């Protein structure tokens, strides 16, 4: 394992390997969260002071860049945590935070709350406009981490992301036989049986909290039962070099170590 930074404790890193995620409080300033949320409110076309304008359970906003979002994604705290989990020099700085699913209090089915693993690359015969043809493989091609950025305070009733704790081990074993070609989201989901009995954690926290998750972690959205909309971004951290499960020097990152341990490699 490489020489890790002090951003995360040894216990946090071990928990990441075993559980598949680590929660970082105050990963970015609340002032930035407030500024970003005010911008996103305008983009939704909804009035933050008039719930009658909140007519949909989910509003999805396209990806945004610019100074606010670049600052959020590139704090010293997060960079040090990326070094600790992925390895220094092995990840690409984020420019923007991708799309934002804004979840509103609603009795309607949001239609997107199924358990899944995010796929990360398009195969040669895939369709760039059809995400369901994309795949993930056992070396997590093109994705080093799944990240959950909270831009509003999220309690248990505020549609926190559900996490199947330790499910990245199950997915590692599911993906191994598929080799480099990997599997689609639906093919991976056929192997979720082992994850069904996993304990569930909720990605709650104050604005400015970030969850750094193993790319194979099984997770799901849920219906919003609270009173104030939830603002979150869920971008990937992209690798600067491919992940490897066979390093001659043994300098495995915690992301790689988790996969290796799931596959029974010493």
Protein backbone atom coordinates (compact mmCIF):
# COMPACT_ATOMS: atom_id res chain seq x y z
CA UNK A 1 0.00 0.00 0.00
CA UNK A 2 1.38 3.45 -0.83
CA UNK A 3 2.42 5.96 1.81
CA UNK A 4 -0.95 7.48 2.64
CA UNK A 5 -1.66 11.02 3.76
CA UNK A 6 -2.99 11.88 7.21
CA UNK A 7 -6.36 12.99 5.80
CA UNK A 8 -7.97 9.76 6.97
CA UNK A 9 -7.11 7.68 9.99
CA UNK A 10 -6.02 4.07 9.72
CA UNK A 11 -9.40 3.08 11.15
CA UNK A 12 -11.27 5.10 8.51
CA UNK A 13 -9.25 3.51 5.73
CA UNK A 14 -9.89 0.03 7.12
CA UNK A 15 -13.60 0.82 7.38
CA UNK A 16 -13.56 1.96 3.76
CA UNK A 17 -12.02 -1.35 2.70
CA UNK A 18 -14.56 -3.39 4.69
CA UNK A 19 -17.71 -1.23 4.51
CA UNK A 20 -17.11 0.48 1.16
CA UNK A 21 -17.42 4.12 2.13
CA UNK A 22 -16.17 6.88 4.41
CA UNK A 23 -18.07 9.99 5.52
CA UNK A 24 -16.15 13.28 5.60
CA UNK A 25 -17.83 16.07 7.51
CA UNK A 26 -17.01 19.67 6.54
CA UNK A 27 -15.36 18.46 3.35
CA UNK A 28 -16.25 21.81 1.81
CA UNK A 29 -17.50 25.04 3.45
CA UNK A 30 -21.19 25.54 4.15
CA UNK A 31 -20.88 28.99 2.60
CA UNK A 32 -20.07 27.34 -0.74
CA UNK A 33 -22.96 24.91 -0.28
CA UNK A 34 -25.33 27.82 0.34
CA UNK A 35 -24.06 29.72 -2.70
CA UNK A 36 -24.31 26.67 -4.94
CA UNK A 37 -27.79 25.80 -3.66
CA UNK A 38 -29.07 29.32 -4.39
CA UNK A 39 -27.83 28.94 -7.96
CA UNK A 40 -29.38 25.49 -8.31
CA UNK A 41 -32.74 26.70 -7.00
CA UNK A 42 -32.85 29.20 -9.87
CA UNK A 43 -32.00 26.44 -12.33
CA UNK A 44 -34.89 24.25 -11.11
CA UNK A 45 -37.43 26.92 -12.00
CA UNK A 46 -39.04 26.33 -8.59
CA UNK A 47 -39.60 28.85 -5.80
CA UNK A 48 -37.83 27.86 -2.56
CA UNK A 49 -40.54 29.68 -0.57
CA UNK A 50 -43.54 28.25 -2.43
CA UNK A 51 -44.00 24.46 -2.11
CA UNK A 52 -46.84 24.62 -4.66
CA UNK A 53 -44.13 24.97 -7.30
CA UNK A 54 -42.52 21.70 -6.20
CA UNK A 55 -44.55 19.57 -8.57
CA UNK A 56 -42.13 16.73 -9.33
CA UNK A 57 -40.42 14.27 -6.97
CA UNK A 58 -37.09 14.69 -8.78
CA UNK A 59 -35.66 17.48 -10.91
CA UNK A 60 -32.45 16.53 -12.68
CA UNK A 61 -30.11 19.34 -13.60
CA UNK A 62 -27.34 18.97 -16.16
CA UNK A 63 -23.70 19.18 -15.15
CA UNK A 64 -22.31 22.48 -13.94
CA UNK A 65 -18.80 23.81 -13.74
CA UNK A 66 -17.42 27.19 -12.82
CA UNK A 67 -15.67 28.64 -9.77
CA UNK A 68 -18.20 27.55 -7.14
CA UNK A 69 -18.33 23.90 -8.13
CA UNK A 70 -14.63 23.67 -8.89
CA UNK A 71 -13.90 25.03 -5.40
CA UNK A 72 -16.26 22.50 -3.80
CA UNK A 73 -14.64 19.55 -5.56
CA UNK A 74 -11.05 20.57 -4.92
CA UNK A 75 -10.64 21.36 -1.25
CA UNK A 76 -7.43 20.34 0.49
CA UNK A 77 -9.45 17.95 2.64
CA UNK A 78 -10.85 16.12 -0.36
CA UNK A 79 -7.56 16.03 -2.26
CA UNK A 80 -5.85 14.49 0.75
CA UNK A 81 -8.65 11.92 1.06
CA UNK A 82 -8.35 11.06 -2.65
CA UNK A 83 -4.63 10.47 -2.13
CA UNK A 84 -5.42 8.24 0.84
CA UNK A 85 -8.01 6.08 -0.94
CA UNK A 86 -6.88 6.05 -4.58
CA UNK A 87 -3.18 6.92 -4.29
CA UNK A 88 -1.17 10.08 -4.96
CA UNK A 89 -1.00 10.82 -8.67
CA UNK A 90 -3.58 8.15 -9.50
CA UNK A 91 -6.68 10.39 -9.79
CA UNK A 92 -7.78 13.36 -11.87
CA UNK A 93 -8.95 16.64 -10.29
CA UNK A 94 -12.64 17.32 -10.81
CA UNK A 95 -13.80 20.22 -12.95
CA UNK A 96 -17.46 20.61 -12.10
CA UNK A 97 -19.66 18.08 -10.36
CA UNK A 98 -21.77 16.48 -13.05
CA UNK A 99 -25.53 16.31 -12.82
CA UNK A 100 -27.64 17.16 -9.76
CA UNK A 101 -30.71 15.10 -8.79
CA UNK A 102 -32.81 17.49 -6.68
CA UNK A 103 -35.36 15.53 -4.62
CA UNK A 104 -38.54 17.19 -3.44
CA UNK A 105 -40.97 16.08 -0.72
CA UNK A 106 -43.56 14.01 -2.55
CA UNK A 107 -45.93 11.07 -2.31
CA UNK A 108 -45.14 10.18 -5.92
CA UNK A 109 -42.84 7.31 -6.85
CA UNK A 110 -39.59 8.96 -8.05
CA UNK A 111 -39.07 6.12 -10.51
CA UNK A 112 -35.32 5.94 -9.96
CA UNK A 113 -34.94 4.37 -6.53
CA UNK A 114 -33.77 0.87 -7.44
CA UNK A 115 -30.61 -0.71 -6.05
CA UNK A 116 -27.71 -0.45 -8.49
CA UNK A 117 -24.00 -0.03 -9.12
CA UNK A 118 -22.87 2.83 -11.33
CA UNK A 119 -21.34 1.58 -14.57
CA UNK A 120 -18.35 3.48 -15.92
CA UNK A 121 -17.38 2.81 -19.54
CA UNK A 122 -18.89 2.25 -22.96
CA UNK A 123 -17.80 -0.92 -24.78
CA UNK A 124 -16.88 -0.73 -28.48
CA UNK A 125 -20.36 -1.94 -29.45
CA UNK A 126 -22.14 0.29 -26.93
CA UNK A 127 -24.40 3.26 -27.51
CA UNK A 128 -23.13 6.57 -26.06
CA UNK A 129 -26.73 7.69 -25.65
CA UNK A 130 -27.88 4.51 -23.92
CA UNK A 131 -26.44 4.26 -20.41
CA UNK A 132 -27.84 0.75 -20.09
CA UNK A 133 -25.25 -0.49 -22.61
CA UNK A 134 -22.39 0.84 -20.48
CA UNK A 135 -20.41 -1.52 -18.27
CA UNK A 136 -18.22 -1.90 -15.21
CA UNK A 137 -15.38 -4.38 -14.84
CA UNK A 138 -13.38 -5.85 -12.00
CA UNK A 139 -10.61 -3.24 -12.29
CA UNK A 140 -13.22 -0.44 -12.27
CA UNK A 141 -12.23 0.99 -15.61
CA UNK A 142 -12.70 4.79 -15.76
CA UNK A 143 -13.96 5.19 -12.18
CA UNK A 144 -11.85 5.46 -9.04
CA UNK A 145 -14.58 6.48 -6.58
CA UNK A 146 -18.29 7.17 -6.36
CA UNK A 147 -18.83 10.45 -4.48
CA UNK A 148 -21.90 11.93 -2.80
CA UNK A 149 -21.73 15.70 -2.19
CA UNK A 150 -24.43 17.07 0.13
CA UNK A 151 -25.45 20.67 -0.63
CA UNK A 152 -28.31 20.71 1.89
CA UNK A 153 -28.76 19.26 5.36
CA UNK A 154 -29.95 15.68 4.92
CA UNK A 155 -31.72 13.81 7.70
CA UNK A 156 -33.30 10.36 7.68
CA UNK A 157 -36.55 11.68 6.13
CA UNK A 158 -34.81 13.78 3.45
CA UNK A 159 -34.25 11.03 0.87
CA UNK A 160 -30.72 10.09 1.97
CA UNK A 161 -28.97 7.69 -0.38
CA UNK A 162 -29.28 4.13 0.86
CA UNK A 163 -26.02 2.16 1.02
CA UNK A 164 -25.70 -1.63 1.22
CA UNK A 165 -22.74 -1.81 3.59
CA UNK A 166 -19.98 -4.10 2.33
CA UNK A 167 -21.74 -4.82 -0.96
CA UNK A 168 -18.65 -3.84 -2.97
CA UNK A 169 -17.18 -7.21 -1.96
CA UNK A 170 -20.17 -9.02 -3.51
CA UNK A 171 -19.91 -6.97 -6.71
CA UNK A 172 -16.17 -7.63 -6.97
CA UNK A 173 -16.87 -11.37 -6.98
CA UNK A 174 -19.69 -10.92 -9.50
CA UNK A 175 -17.48 -8.96 -11.90
CA UNK A 176 -14.36 -11.13 -11.73
CA UNK A 177 -15.51 -13.85 -14.19
CA UNK A 178 -16.46 -11.20 -16.78
CA UNK A 179 -12.87 -10.00 -17.10
CA UNK A 180 -12.02 -6.77 -18.90
CA UNK A 181 -15.28 -6.63 -20.87
CA UNK A 182 -17.23 -6.41 -17.65
CA UNK A 183 -20.98 -6.38 -17.21
CA UNK A 184 -23.93 -4.03 -17.70
CA UNK A 185 -25.88 -2.54 -14.82
CA UNK A 186 -28.63 -5.14 -15.22
CA UNK A 187 -26.18 -8.05 -15.44
CA UNK A 188 -24.47 -6.90 -12.26
CA UNK A 189 -27.85 -6.56 -10.53
CA UNK A 190 -28.55 -10.25 -11.15
CA UNK A 191 -25.78 -10.95 -8.64
CA UNK A 192 -27.20 -8.73 -5.87
CA UNK A 193 -28.54 -11.72 -3.95
CA UNK A 194 -25.61 -11.74 -1.55
CA UNK A 195 -26.06 -8.02 -0.91
CA UNK A 196 -29.73 -8.34 0.04
CA UNK A 197 -28.79 -9.33 3.59
CA UNK A 198 -26.27 -6.53 4.00
CA UNK A 199 -26.99 -3.84 6.62
CA UNK A 200 -28.23 -0.53 5.23
CA UNK A 201 -26.57 2.82 5.98
CA UNK A 202 -28.09 6.19 5.14
CA UNK A 203 -25.98 8.99 3.65
CA UNK A 204 -27.14 11.71 6.03
CA UNK A 205 -25.22 14.80 7.09
CA UNK A 206 -25.05 18.55 7.01
CA UNK A 207 -24.39 20.60 3.90
CA UNK A 208 -20.68 20.28 3.17
CA UNK A 209 -20.56 16.55 3.93
CA UNK A 210 -19.09 14.22 1.31
CA UNK A 211 -19.32 10.43 1.18
CA UNK A 212 -16.43 8.80 -0.66
CA UNK A 213 -17.56 5.37 -1.81
CA UNK A 214 -15.96 2.36 -3.44
CA UNK A 215 -17.01 2.31 -7.12
CA UNK A 216 -18.66 -1.11 -6.65
CA UNK A 217 -20.87 -0.07 -3.73
CA UNK A 218 -24.54 -1.01 -4.19
CA UNK A 219 -26.72 2.01 -3.43
CA UNK A 220 -30.17 3.44 -4.10
CA UNK A 221 -32.18 6.63 -3.95
CA UNK A 222 -35.46 6.79 -2.04
CA UNK A 223 -38.66 8.80 -1.74
CA UNK A 224 -38.41 12.16 0.08
CA UNK A 225 -40.53 12.13 3.25
CA UNK A 226 -39.25 15.37 4.76
CA UNK A 227 -40.15 19.02 4.28
CA UNK A 228 -37.23 20.65 2.47
CA UNK A 229 -35.73 19.56 -0.88
CA UNK A 230 -32.48 17.64 -0.96
CA UNK A 231 -29.61 18.97 -3.07
CA UNK A 232 -26.83 16.54 -3.92
CA UNK A 233 -24.23 15.82 -6.59
CA UNK A 234 -22.92 12.32 -7.27
CA UNK A 235 -19.94 12.58 -9.61
CA UNK A 236 -17.26 9.95 -10.14
CA UNK A 237 -13.62 10.53 -9.32
CA UNK A 238 -11.80 9.59 -12.50
CA UNK A 239 -8.50 7.67 -12.39
CA UNK A 240 -5.32 9.14 -13.85
CA UNK A 241 -4.12 5.61 -14.53
CA UNK A 242 -5.93 2.25 -14.59
CA UNK A 243 -6.53 0.51 -11.29
CA UNK A 244 -4.44 -2.63 -10.94
CA UNK A 245 -4.96 -5.84 -8.98
CA UNK A 246 -1.44 -7.11 -9.72
CA UNK A 247 1.14 -4.50 -8.76
CA UNK A 248 4.73 -5.85 -8.68
CA UNK A 249 5.61 -3.46 -5.86
CA UNK A 250 2.49 -4.32 -3.85
CA UNK A 251 1.57 -0.61 -3.55
CA UNK A 252 -2.16 -1.21 -3.63
CA UNK A 253 -4.59 1.58 -2.84
CA UNK A 254 -7.50 0.91 -0.46
CA UNK A 255 -9.83 0.77 -3.49
CA UNK A 256 -7.69 -1.98 -5.01
CA UNK A 257 -7.14 -3.70 -1.65
CA UNK A 258 -10.88 -4.03 -1.11
CA UNK A 259 -11.28 -5.79 -4.47
CA UNK A 260 -8.30 -8.05 -3.84
CA UNK A 261 -9.55 -9.05 -0.40
CA UNK A 262 -13.02 -9.76 -1.79
CA UNK A 263 -11.41 -12.07 -4.36
CA UNK A 264 -9.36 -13.85 -1.69
CA UNK A 265 -5.99 -12.50 -2.81
CA UNK A 266 -3.36 -12.03 -0.14
